[in-house]
Structure formats: C-alpha cells, structure tokens
Amino acid sequence: MKLADSHVKRPPARAVTPDAEPAIVQTARDQLRRSLYPGLRHVGCRFAHGRLHLSGRLRSYFEKQLAQETVAHLPGVIEIINEIDVWYPEPLTRSQQGSNGLQTTGSLRNACSRLG
C-alpha cells in the first residue's frame, strides 16, 4: 500500500557544490543508521540540486515520517522527497504457524511432528 509521496520544502539554503553532495548523502545515511528504529537503518538516500530523496520500504507511516524528520535539519537540503513505501506484511497462514502460533520452517515442523 502506498500513498502519494511526501515532499517537504524548506527555506532556500546556500547552493551546494556538486563535490559536497556525497558528504550530505553520507551524513543522512549516518543519521538514519543511528536510529533506534531498525527499519530506518536501511533507507536509501540520494541527493541532487538541494533535494534529498529517501527510498526503501518501511512497516509504518510513523517510520516513514520519522525517517523524513531524522534528516530534515541537514544543511544544504532544500527539499526532501520521501519515496519510501509502507509495506504491510501478509499474516501467516495456519500452515505456516506451529501449534504455538509461531512461524516454523519445514524441517523444524517435521522434527516437531515426530516428537509428539
């Protein structure tokens, strides 16, 4: 499920030279990797002409917004284009769950069925 991409504009900043763009991307990635939310550690970043593009897949709109807010303060970023998809995993079927409701692999399921 995906809603329209989010775009956040900030007041104009000083122009960023092309040689500074990799440093902005690295700073954005570092900020996201330090997050307490594991999903944010895998968000993709690219930067061009003052626009920081975020991409990837997260499990909630809260995490999508949090990723955006995490990098919103970076110098040189005029606009954030949040292209992160929110993905809701399909629930497990009964055949994918063990008797205790936990997911089991085929080999584990077979070993458990032999025990009892």
N, C-alpha and C. Protein backbone atom coordinates (compact mmCIF):
# COMPACT_ATOMS: atom_id res chain seq x y z
N MET A 1 0.84 -1.16 0.00
CA MET A 1 0.00 0.00 0.00
C MET A 1 0.90 1.23 0.00
N LYS A 2 0.56 2.18 -0.84
CA LYS A 2 1.40 3.37 -0.94
C LYS A 2 0.52 4.60 -1.15
N LEU A 3 0.70 5.59 -0.33
CA LEU A 3 0.04 6.87 -0.54
C LEU A 3 0.93 7.73 -1.40
N ALA A 4 0.46 8.91 -1.72
CA ALA A 4 1.27 9.84 -2.51
C ALA A 4 2.58 10.12 -1.79
N ASP A 5 3.64 10.29 -2.57
CA ASP A 5 4.94 10.58 -1.99
C ASP A 5 4.89 11.90 -1.23
N SER A 6 5.66 11.99 -0.19
CA SER A 6 5.72 13.20 0.63
C SER A 6 6.82 14.11 0.14
N HIS A 7 6.54 15.37 0.12
CA HIS A 7 7.53 16.37 -0.26
C HIS A 7 7.54 17.45 0.81
N VAL A 8 8.70 17.80 1.31
CA VAL A 8 8.83 18.84 2.31
C VAL A 8 9.82 19.86 1.79
N LYS A 9 9.39 21.12 1.74
CA LYS A 9 10.29 22.18 1.29
C LYS A 9 10.69 23.02 2.48
N ARG A 10 11.93 23.48 2.42
CA ARG A 10 12.47 24.36 3.46
C ARG A 10 12.85 25.67 2.80
N PRO A 11 13.11 26.70 3.61
CA PRO A 11 13.56 27.96 3.02
C PRO A 11 14.84 27.74 2.22
N PRO A 12 15.04 28.55 1.17
CA PRO A 12 16.24 28.38 0.35
C PRO A 12 17.52 28.42 1.18
N ALA A 13 18.41 27.52 0.84
CA ALA A 13 19.72 27.46 1.50
C ALA A 13 20.78 27.86 0.49
N ARG A 14 21.97 28.06 0.98
CA ARG A 14 23.06 28.35 0.05
C ARG A 14 23.25 27.18 -0.89
N ALA A 15 23.63 27.50 -2.09
CA ALA A 15 23.85 26.47 -3.09
C ALA A 15 24.92 25.49 -2.62
N VAL A 16 24.70 24.23 -2.91
CA VAL A 16 25.65 23.18 -2.55
C VAL A 16 26.43 22.82 -3.81
N THR A 17 27.73 22.79 -3.68
CA THR A 17 28.55 22.42 -4.83
C THR A 17 28.45 20.91 -5.04
N PRO A 18 28.59 20.47 -6.27
CA PRO A 18 28.49 19.02 -6.54
C PRO A 18 29.46 18.17 -5.73
N ASP A 19 30.63 18.70 -5.41
CA ASP A 19 31.58 17.90 -4.63
C ASP A 19 31.15 17.74 -3.18
N ALA A 20 30.18 18.55 -2.71
CA ALA A 20 29.68 18.42 -1.33
C ALA A 20 28.52 17.43 -1.24
N GLU A 21 27.94 17.07 -2.38
CA GLU A 21 26.77 16.20 -2.37
C GLU A 21 27.04 14.83 -1.73
N PRO A 22 28.16 14.17 -2.00
CA PRO A 22 28.40 12.87 -1.34
C PRO A 22 28.46 12.98 0.19
N ALA A 23 28.97 14.08 0.69
CA ALA A 23 29.04 14.27 2.15
C ALA A 23 27.65 14.41 2.75
N ILE A 24 26.74 15.07 2.03
CA ILE A 24 25.37 15.22 2.52
C ILE A 24 24.68 13.86 2.56
N VAL A 25 24.87 13.08 1.52
CA VAL A 25 24.28 11.73 1.48
C VAL A 25 24.84 10.88 2.62
N GLN A 26 26.14 10.95 2.85
CA GLN A 26 26.76 10.15 3.92
C GLN A 26 26.24 10.59 5.28
N THR A 27 26.09 11.89 5.48
CA THR A 27 25.55 12.39 6.76
C THR A 27 24.12 11.91 6.96
N ALA A 28 23.31 11.95 5.90
CA ALA A 28 21.93 11.48 6.00
C ALA A 28 21.90 9.99 6.35
N ARG A 29 22.73 9.20 5.68
CA ARG A 29 22.78 7.76 5.97
C ARG A 29 23.23 7.50 7.40
N ASP A 30 24.22 8.26 7.86
CA ASP A 30 24.70 8.10 9.24
C ASP A 30 23.60 8.40 10.24
N GLN A 31 22.84 9.47 9.99
CA GLN A 31 21.74 9.83 10.89
C GLN A 31 20.70 8.70 10.95
N LEU A 32 20.36 8.16 9.80
CA LEU A 32 19.36 7.09 9.75
C LEU A 32 19.88 5.81 10.39
N ARG A 33 21.15 5.51 10.22
CA ARG A 33 21.73 4.29 10.80
C ARG A 33 21.80 4.34 12.33
N ARG A 34 21.84 5.55 12.86
CA ARG A 34 21.89 5.70 14.32
C ARG A 34 20.50 5.64 14.96
N SER A 35 19.49 5.49 14.16
CA SER A 35 18.13 5.46 14.69
C SER A 35 17.91 4.24 15.57
N LEU A 36 17.04 4.39 16.53
CA LEU A 36 16.64 3.27 17.38
C LEU A 36 15.64 2.37 16.67
N TYR A 37 15.14 2.81 15.53
CA TYR A 37 14.19 2.02 14.74
C TYR A 37 14.98 1.28 13.65
N PRO A 38 15.08 -0.03 13.73
CA PRO A 38 15.93 -0.79 12.81
C PRO A 38 15.60 -0.57 11.34
N GLY A 39 14.34 -0.39 11.00
CA GLY A 39 13.97 -0.21 9.60
C GLY A 39 14.60 1.02 8.97
N LEU A 40 14.80 2.07 9.74
CA LEU A 40 15.37 3.31 9.22
C LEU A 40 16.82 3.12 8.80
N ARG A 41 17.46 2.12 9.33
CA ARG A 41 18.87 1.88 9.01
C ARG A 41 19.08 1.43 7.57
N HIS A 42 18.00 1.07 6.89
CA HIS A 42 18.10 0.56 5.52
C HIS A 42 17.47 1.50 4.50
N VAL A 43 17.12 2.72 4.92
CA VAL A 43 16.53 3.68 4.00
C VAL A 43 17.61 4.18 3.04
N GLY A 44 17.28 4.21 1.76
CA GLY A 44 18.21 4.71 0.76
C GLY A 44 18.16 6.22 0.64
N CYS A 45 19.27 6.83 0.32
CA CYS A 45 19.37 8.28 0.18
C CYS A 45 20.13 8.63 -1.09
N ARG A 46 19.65 9.64 -1.77
CA ARG A 46 20.43 10.25 -2.85
C ARG A 46 20.12 11.74 -2.83
N PHE A 47 21.08 12.53 -3.26
CA PHE A 47 20.97 13.99 -3.16
C PHE A 47 21.40 14.62 -4.48
N ALA A 48 20.61 15.56 -4.94
CA ALA A 48 20.96 16.31 -6.14
C ALA A 48 20.21 17.63 -6.14
N HIS A 49 20.92 18.70 -6.43
CA HIS A 49 20.33 20.04 -6.59
C HIS A 49 19.48 20.46 -5.39
N GLY A 50 19.96 20.16 -4.19
CA GLY A 50 19.26 20.58 -2.98
C GLY A 50 18.14 19.67 -2.55
N ARG A 51 17.91 18.59 -3.29
CA ARG A 51 16.82 17.67 -2.98
C ARG A 51 17.38 16.34 -2.46
N LEU A 52 16.92 15.96 -1.29
CA LEU A 52 17.30 14.68 -0.69
C LEU A 52 16.16 13.71 -0.93
N HIS A 53 16.44 12.66 -1.66
CA HIS A 53 15.44 11.63 -1.97
C HIS A 53 15.63 10.47 -0.99
N LEU A 54 14.54 10.06 -0.35
CA LEU A 54 14.54 8.91 0.55
C LEU A 54 13.78 7.79 -0.14
N SER A 55 14.31 6.58 -0.07
CA SER A 55 13.64 5.45 -0.71
C SER A 55 13.80 4.20 0.15
N GLY A 56 12.96 3.23 -0.14
CA GLY A 56 13.02 1.96 0.59
C GLY A 56 11.63 1.52 0.98
N ARG A 57 11.60 0.65 1.96
CA ARG A 57 10.34 0.08 2.41
C ARG A 57 10.36 0.02 3.94
N LEU A 58 9.32 0.57 4.54
CA LEU A 58 9.17 0.55 6.00
C LEU A 58 7.82 -0.04 6.36
N ARG A 59 7.65 -0.36 7.65
CA ARG A 59 6.44 -1.07 8.08
C ARG A 59 5.33 -0.16 8.58
N SER A 60 5.58 1.16 8.68
CA SER A 60 4.51 2.04 9.16
C SER A 60 4.71 3.46 8.64
N TYR A 61 3.62 4.20 8.61
CA TYR A 61 3.71 5.61 8.21
C TYR A 61 4.46 6.42 9.27
N PHE A 62 4.41 5.95 10.51
CA PHE A 62 5.19 6.61 11.56
C PHE A 62 6.68 6.54 11.23
N GLU A 63 7.16 5.35 10.84
CA GLU A 63 8.57 5.21 10.49
C GLU A 63 8.93 6.04 9.25
N LYS A 64 8.02 6.11 8.29
CA LYS A 64 8.25 6.92 7.10
C LYS A 64 8.43 8.38 7.48
N GLN A 65 7.56 8.89 8.34
CA GLN A 65 7.66 10.27 8.80
C GLN A 65 8.91 10.47 9.64
N LEU A 66 9.23 9.49 10.47
CA LEU A 66 10.42 9.59 11.31
C LEU A 66 11.69 9.65 10.48
N ALA A 67 11.76 8.89 9.41
CA ALA A 67 12.92 8.94 8.51
C ALA A 67 13.07 10.34 7.94
N GLN A 68 11.98 10.91 7.54
CA GLN A 68 11.99 12.26 6.97
C GLN A 68 12.45 13.29 8.00
N GLU A 69 11.93 13.20 9.19
CA GLU A 69 12.29 14.15 10.25
C GLU A 69 13.74 13.98 10.70
N THR A 70 14.26 12.77 10.60
CA THR A 70 15.62 12.50 11.02
C THR A 70 16.63 13.27 10.18
N VAL A 71 16.33 13.48 8.91
CA VAL A 71 17.28 14.15 8.01
C VAL A 71 16.85 15.55 7.61
N ALA A 72 15.74 16.03 8.14
CA ALA A 72 15.18 17.32 7.71
C ALA A 72 16.08 18.50 8.05
N HIS A 73 16.91 18.39 9.04
CA HIS A 73 17.72 19.51 9.52
C HIS A 73 19.07 19.66 8.79
N LEU A 74 19.39 18.75 7.91
CA LEU A 74 20.72 18.75 7.31
C LEU A 74 20.97 20.01 6.47
N PRO A 75 22.13 20.62 6.65
CA PRO A 75 22.45 21.80 5.86
C PRO A 75 22.55 21.47 4.37
N GLY A 76 22.07 22.37 3.55
CA GLY A 76 22.12 22.18 2.10
C GLY A 76 20.89 21.51 1.54
N VAL A 77 20.04 20.93 2.40
CA VAL A 77 18.84 20.26 1.94
C VAL A 77 17.71 21.28 1.86
N ILE A 78 17.23 21.51 0.64
CA ILE A 78 16.13 22.44 0.42
C ILE A 78 14.80 21.70 0.44
N GLU A 79 14.82 20.50 -0.09
CA GLU A 79 13.58 19.73 -0.22
C GLU A 79 13.87 18.26 0.06
N ILE A 80 12.93 17.60 0.75
CA ILE A 80 13.01 16.16 0.98
C ILE A 80 11.90 15.52 0.15
N ILE A 81 12.28 14.59 -0.67
CA ILE A 81 11.32 13.84 -1.46
C ILE A 81 11.29 12.43 -0.89
N ASN A 82 10.21 12.16 -0.17
CA ASN A 82 10.08 10.90 0.56
C ASN A 82 9.36 9.88 -0.31
N GLU A 83 10.11 8.99 -0.91
CA GLU A 83 9.57 7.96 -1.79
C GLU A 83 9.54 6.60 -1.11
N ILE A 84 9.55 6.59 0.20
CA ILE A 84 9.53 5.35 0.97
C ILE A 84 8.15 4.70 0.84
N ASP A 85 8.14 3.41 0.55
CA ASP A 85 6.89 2.64 0.51
C ASP A 85 6.60 2.11 1.91
N VAL A 86 5.32 2.11 2.27
CA VAL A 86 4.90 1.47 3.52
C VAL A 86 4.34 0.12 3.14
N TRP A 87 4.90 -0.91 3.74
CA TRP A 87 4.60 -2.29 3.40
C TRP A 87 4.03 -2.99 4.62
N TYR A 88 2.87 -3.57 4.44
CA TYR A 88 2.25 -4.36 5.49
C TYR A 88 2.43 -5.82 5.13
N PRO A 89 3.21 -6.57 5.91
CA PRO A 89 3.41 -7.98 5.58
C PRO A 89 2.10 -8.76 5.70
N GLU A 90 1.94 -9.75 4.86
CA GLU A 90 0.77 -10.62 4.91
C GLU A 90 0.83 -11.45 6.19
N PRO A 91 -0.30 -11.64 6.86
CA PRO A 91 -0.28 -12.51 8.04
C PRO A 91 0.05 -13.94 7.64
N LEU A 92 0.63 -14.67 8.56
CA LEU A 92 0.96 -16.08 8.32
C LEU A 92 -0.32 -16.90 8.21
N THR A 93 -0.29 -17.89 7.34
CA THR A 93 -1.42 -18.81 7.27
C THR A 93 -1.25 -19.84 8.37
N ARG A 94 -2.30 -20.60 8.64
CA ARG A 94 -2.23 -21.62 9.69
C ARG A 94 -1.14 -22.65 9.38
N SER A 95 -0.94 -22.97 8.10
CA SER A 95 0.06 -23.98 7.76
C SER A 95 1.48 -23.46 7.97
N GLN A 96 1.66 -22.13 8.04
CA GLN A 96 2.98 -21.56 8.27
C GLN A 96 3.26 -21.40 9.76
N GLN A 97 2.23 -21.62 10.60
CA GLN A 97 2.38 -21.46 12.04
C GLN A 97 2.50 -22.83 12.70
N GLY A 98 3.28 -22.88 13.75
CA GLY A 98 3.35 -24.10 14.55
C GLY A 98 2.17 -24.16 15.50
N SER A 99 2.09 -25.18 16.31
CA SER A 99 0.97 -25.32 17.25
C SER A 99 0.95 -24.21 18.29
N ASN A 100 2.11 -23.57 18.52
CA ASN A 100 2.16 -22.47 19.48
C ASN A 100 1.93 -21.12 18.82
N GLY A 101 1.61 -21.12 17.50
CA GLY A 101 1.33 -19.87 16.80
C GLY A 101 2.57 -19.19 16.24
N LEU A 102 3.73 -19.79 16.42
CA LEU A 102 4.96 -19.19 15.90
C LEU A 102 5.29 -19.78 14.54
N GLN A 103 5.98 -18.99 13.73
CA GLN A 103 6.37 -19.47 12.41
C GLN A 103 7.42 -20.56 12.55
N THR A 104 7.26 -21.61 11.76
CA THR A 104 8.24 -22.68 11.76
C THR A 104 8.64 -22.97 10.32
N THR A 105 9.84 -23.42 10.14
CA THR A 105 10.28 -23.84 8.82
C THR A 105 9.88 -25.29 8.62
N GLY A 106 9.92 -25.74 7.37
CA GLY A 106 9.52 -27.12 7.07
C GLY A 106 10.28 -28.14 7.87
N SER A 107 11.62 -28.02 7.95
CA SER A 107 12.41 -29.03 8.65
C SER A 107 12.13 -29.01 10.14
N LEU A 108 11.94 -27.84 10.71
CA LEU A 108 11.62 -27.76 12.14
C LEU A 108 10.24 -28.31 12.40
N ARG A 109 9.29 -28.00 11.53
CA ARG A 109 7.94 -28.50 11.67
C ARG A 109 7.94 -30.03 11.62
N ASN A 110 8.71 -30.60 10.68
CA ASN A 110 8.77 -32.07 10.56
C ASN A 110 9.40 -32.68 11.81
N ALA A 111 10.46 -32.09 12.33
CA ALA A 111 11.11 -32.61 13.53
C ALA A 111 10.18 -32.55 14.72
N CYS A 112 9.42 -31.46 14.84
CA CYS A 112 8.49 -31.31 15.95
C CYS A 112 7.35 -32.31 15.87
N SER A 113 6.88 -32.58 14.64
CA SER A 113 5.76 -33.52 14.50
C SER A 113 6.19 -34.94 14.86
N ARG A 114 7.47 -35.27 14.65
CA ARG A 114 7.95 -36.61 15.03
C ARG A 114 8.05 -36.77 16.53
N LEU A 115 8.24 -35.65 17.26
CA LEU A 115 8.40 -35.74 18.71
C LEU A 115 7.05 -35.94 19.42
N GLY A 116 6.03 -35.48 18.81
CA GLY A 116 4.84 -35.67 19.58
C GLY A 116 3.64 -35.16 18.96
